[in-house]
Protein backbone atom coordinates (compact mmCIF):
# COMPACT_ATOMS: atom_id res chain seq x y z
CA MET A 1 -6.10 -15.34 8.64
CA LEU A 2 -6.59 -14.65 5.02
CA THR A 3 -7.87 -18.01 3.15
CA LYS A 4 -7.05 -19.11 -0.11
CA GLU A 5 -10.49 -17.94 -1.74
CA ARG A 6 -10.44 -14.75 -0.19
CA TYR A 7 -6.50 -14.47 -1.44
CA LEU A 8 -8.17 -15.36 -4.73
CA TYR A 9 -10.91 -12.89 -4.64
CA ILE A 10 -9.20 -10.00 -3.88
CA LYS A 11 -6.76 -10.74 -6.15
CA LYS A 12 -9.85 -10.66 -8.52
CA LYS A 13 -11.35 -7.81 -7.35
CA TYR A 14 -8.66 -5.12 -6.29
CA GLY A 15 -5.55 -6.56 -7.99
CA SER A 16 -5.82 -4.34 -11.05
CA HIS A 17 -4.47 -1.59 -7.95
CA ALA A 18 -3.56 -2.87 -4.92
CA SER A 19 -1.00 -5.06 -3.61
CA TRP A 20 1.05 -6.71 -0.57
CA ALA A 21 4.11 -6.08 0.85
CA VAL A 22 5.66 -9.41 -0.26
CA TRP A 23 8.43 -9.04 -3.03
CA ALA A 24 10.87 -11.46 -4.78
CA GLU A 25 14.40 -10.98 -2.59
CA GLU A 26 16.74 -9.30 -3.87
CA THR A 27 19.51 -9.69 -5.18
CA SER A 28 22.70 -7.73 -6.77
CA THR A 29 20.86 -4.27 -6.36
CA PRO A 30 18.38 -2.71 -4.15
CA LYS A 31 15.80 -2.58 -6.68
CA SER A 32 16.38 -6.44 -8.41
CA ASN A 33 13.58 -8.12 -8.82
CA MET A 34 10.72 -5.75 -7.38
CA GLU A 35 8.87 -6.06 -10.69
CA ASP A 36 9.17 -9.78 -9.82
CA THR A 37 5.42 -10.68 -9.33
CA SER A 38 5.38 -14.24 -9.30
CA ILE A 39 5.31 -14.89 -5.80
CA PHE A 40 1.75 -14.11 -5.67
CA ASP A 41 1.10 -16.79 -8.15
CA LYS A 42 2.67 -19.05 -5.25
CA ALA A 43 0.01 -21.83 -3.78
CA ASP A 44 0.37 -20.92 -0.66
CA VAL A 45 1.96 -17.22 -1.02
CA TYR A 46 -1.99 -15.84 1.16
CA LYS A 47 0.05 -17.17 3.71
CA GLU A 48 2.01 -14.84 4.19
CA LEU A 49 -0.50 -12.37 3.77
CA ASN A 50 -2.04 -10.10 7.07
CA PRO A 51 -5.15 -8.26 6.27
CA ASN A 52 -4.96 -6.47 9.72
CA VAL A 53 -2.39 -4.34 8.36
CA ALA A 54 -3.07 -1.79 5.39
CA LEU A 55 -0.09 0.49 4.06
CA VAL A 56 -1.74 3.29 1.86
CA GLY A 57 -0.26 5.33 -0.87
CA LEU A 58 -1.83 8.63 -1.83
CA ASN A 59 -2.75 7.91 -5.60
CA ILE A 60 -0.75 5.84 -8.10
CA SER A 61 1.46 6.75 -10.14
CA GLY A 62 1.42 5.84 -13.73
CA TYR A 63 -0.56 3.52 -15.23
CA ILE A 64 -0.48 -0.34 -13.94
CA PRO A 65 -1.01 -3.34 -16.09
CA GLY A 66 -0.64 -6.42 -14.29
CA THR A 67 -2.36 -8.09 -11.36
CA PHE A 68 -0.59 -7.04 -7.78
CA GLU A 69 1.87 -4.53 -9.70
CA ASN A 70 1.20 -1.61 -8.42
CA PHE A 71 4.21 -1.22 -5.35
CA HIS A 72 6.86 -3.41 -7.15
CA GLY A 73 8.54 -1.90 -10.20
CA LYS A 74 12.21 -0.67 -10.13
CA GLY A 75 11.12 2.63 -11.04
CA GLY A 76 10.51 5.27 -7.32
CA GLY A 77 11.10 4.38 -4.42
CA ALA A 78 8.93 1.51 -3.54
CA TYR A 79 11.76 -0.86 -2.87
CA LYS A 80 12.48 1.09 0.10
CA ILE A 81 9.60 -0.28 1.16
CA ARG A 82 10.62 -3.96 0.56
CA TYR A 83 13.16 -3.06 2.31
CA ALA A 84 12.14 -1.68 5.24
CA THR A 85 9.39 -4.31 5.80
CA LYS A 86 11.49 -7.13 5.55
CA ASP A 87 10.87 -9.68 8.85
CA THR A 88 8.58 -7.03 10.62
CA LEU A 89 5.53 -6.69 10.93
CA LEU A 90 4.56 -4.80 8.41
CA TRP A 91 5.63 -7.87 6.02
CA GLY A 92 2.80 -9.30 4.53
CA ALA A 93 0.48 -6.49 4.94
CA TYR A 94 -2.10 -4.58 2.55
CA LEU A 95 -0.76 -2.08 0.36
CA THR A 96 -3.67 0.47 -2.30
CA ASP A 97 -3.93 3.74 -2.33
CA ILE A 98 -6.86 5.73 -1.11
CA ILE A 99 -7.23 7.92 -4.13
CA LYS A 100 -7.94 4.97 -7.30
CA ASP A 101 -8.15 5.76 -10.65
CA PHE A 102 -6.46 8.73 -10.64
CA PRO A 103 -2.97 8.29 -12.08
CA GLU A 104 -0.66 11.20 -11.46
CA LYS A 105 2.82 11.76 -10.61
CA HIS A 106 2.51 15.09 -8.23
CA SER A 107 0.84 14.86 -5.44
CA GLY A 108 0.52 18.64 -5.39
CA ASN A 109 -1.63 17.72 -8.29
CA VAL A 110 -3.81 15.27 -7.12
CA MET A 111 -4.34 17.17 -3.85
CA LYS A 112 -5.50 20.27 -5.84
CA TYR A 113 -8.44 18.41 -7.51
CA LEU A 114 -9.14 16.37 -4.90
CA ARG A 115 -9.90 20.27 -3.24
CA GLN A 116 -11.83 21.34 -5.75
CA HIS A 117 -13.89 17.79 -6.02
CA ASN A 118 -14.29 16.89 -2.37
CA ASP A 119 -16.83 14.18 -3.85
CA ILE A 120 -13.94 11.88 -4.68
CA VAL A 121 -12.43 12.20 -1.28
CA THR A 122 -15.53 10.90 0.29
CA ARG A 123 -16.23 8.37 -3.05
CA ASN A 124 -12.91 6.63 -2.15
CA ILE A 125 -13.39 7.01 1.70
CA SER A 126 -16.63 4.72 0.99
CA SER A 127 -14.75 2.36 -1.56
CA PHE A 128 -11.71 1.95 0.77
CA GLU A 129 -14.31 0.77 4.19
CA GLN A 130 -15.49 -1.67 1.43
CA GLU A 131 -12.04 -2.21 0.53
CA LEU A 132 -11.17 -3.33 4.38
CA GLU A 133 -13.82 -5.11 4.49
CA ASP A 134 -13.31 -7.06 1.69
CA ILE A 135 -9.95 -8.53 2.85
CA GLY A 136 -11.12 -9.64 5.75
CA ALA A 137 -9.74 -6.80 7.58
CA VAL A 138 -10.54 -6.59 11.30
CA ASP A 139 -9.62 -3.50 13.26
CA PRO A 140 -6.64 -2.97 11.25
CA MET A 141 -3.68 -0.90 11.71
CA ILE A 142 -3.50 1.66 8.69
CA TYR A 143 0.09 3.24 7.77
CA ALA A 144 -0.28 5.85 5.24
CA PHE A 145 2.51 6.80 3.08
CA GLY A 146 2.91 10.81 3.78
CA ASN A 147 1.50 13.73 4.74
CA ASP A 148 -1.29 13.60 1.71
CA ALA A 149 -2.44 10.44 2.07
CA TYR A 150 -2.47 10.89 6.13
CA GLU A 151 -4.79 13.34 6.00
CA ILE A 152 -7.26 12.13 4.24
CA LEU A 153 -7.34 9.30 5.94
CA LYS A 154 -7.23 10.68 9.86
CA ASN A 155 -9.83 13.50 8.61
CA ASN A 156 -11.92 10.67 7.59
CA LEU A 157 -11.61 7.05 8.93
CA GLY A 158 -9.25 8.76 12.48
CA LYS A 159 -12.34 7.82 14.67
CA GLN A 160 -13.32 3.99 13.06
CA TYR A 161 -9.07 2.83 13.06
CA GLN A 162 -5.96 3.53 14.18
CA ILE A 163 -4.36 5.67 11.14
CA LYS A 164 0.10 6.20 11.69
CA LYS A 165 2.02 8.21 9.22
CA LEU A 166 5.03 7.09 7.51
CA ILE A 167 7.18 9.23 5.37
CA HIS A 168 6.25 8.23 1.97
CA TYR A 169 8.95 6.36 0.71
CA SER A 170 10.46 8.37 -2.03
CA HIS A 171 11.36 10.96 -0.08
CA PHE A 172 15.49 11.70 -0.49
CA MET A 173 16.69 9.08 2.28
CA SER A 174 18.56 5.95 2.43
CA ARG A 175 16.53 2.87 2.72
CA GLU A 176 18.49 2.07 5.66
CA LYS A 177 17.05 5.15 7.34
CA TYR A 178 13.45 4.40 6.01
CA ARG A 179 13.41 1.30 7.55
CA GLU A 180 14.49 2.77 11.28
CA HIS A 181 11.44 5.00 10.79
CA ALA A 182 9.72 2.41 9.88
CA LEU A 183 10.24 0.36 12.64
CA LYS A 184 10.17 2.97 15.03
CA ASN A 185 6.60 3.11 13.93
CA ILE A 186 5.40 -0.03 14.19
CA ASP A 187 2.50 -1.21 17.23
């Protein structure tokens, strides 16, 4: 269970690039309120969070200006994550990327760079393990968004952790189909 003190520590240390799988309620459209991060200001929000489940992307697609805003914008397909995780074991999961401080929209460019700079992968794997420790994860279940994040995690941490692959949320499919996919892969 996450304590308020640990939550505030995580918010300060990782809030500029990570987040949690909780969102404001959807209202008029599937993407409505996606950017509303005021939910993280609620005094007891930490009670909804589960550090033993991590949803991990490859990298951020662009600059993130505020705290816990990663995976919380109107752009892209992150709204599918909200829809897929609502009322499931994934709601409240920790959200982060395996490669930090590398804003790039095209995963092919990221992977090309990483193949030429394997030391960056090594550094980020170490950083990710520290992140899991800092959030208080105990035998976490890790779900990777897409092939690239999955391969990096599986190749480097597959012996230490359970890692499952989810289709990337930006994949061309309806949010309903994405939820079906996620539900089939939840342990």
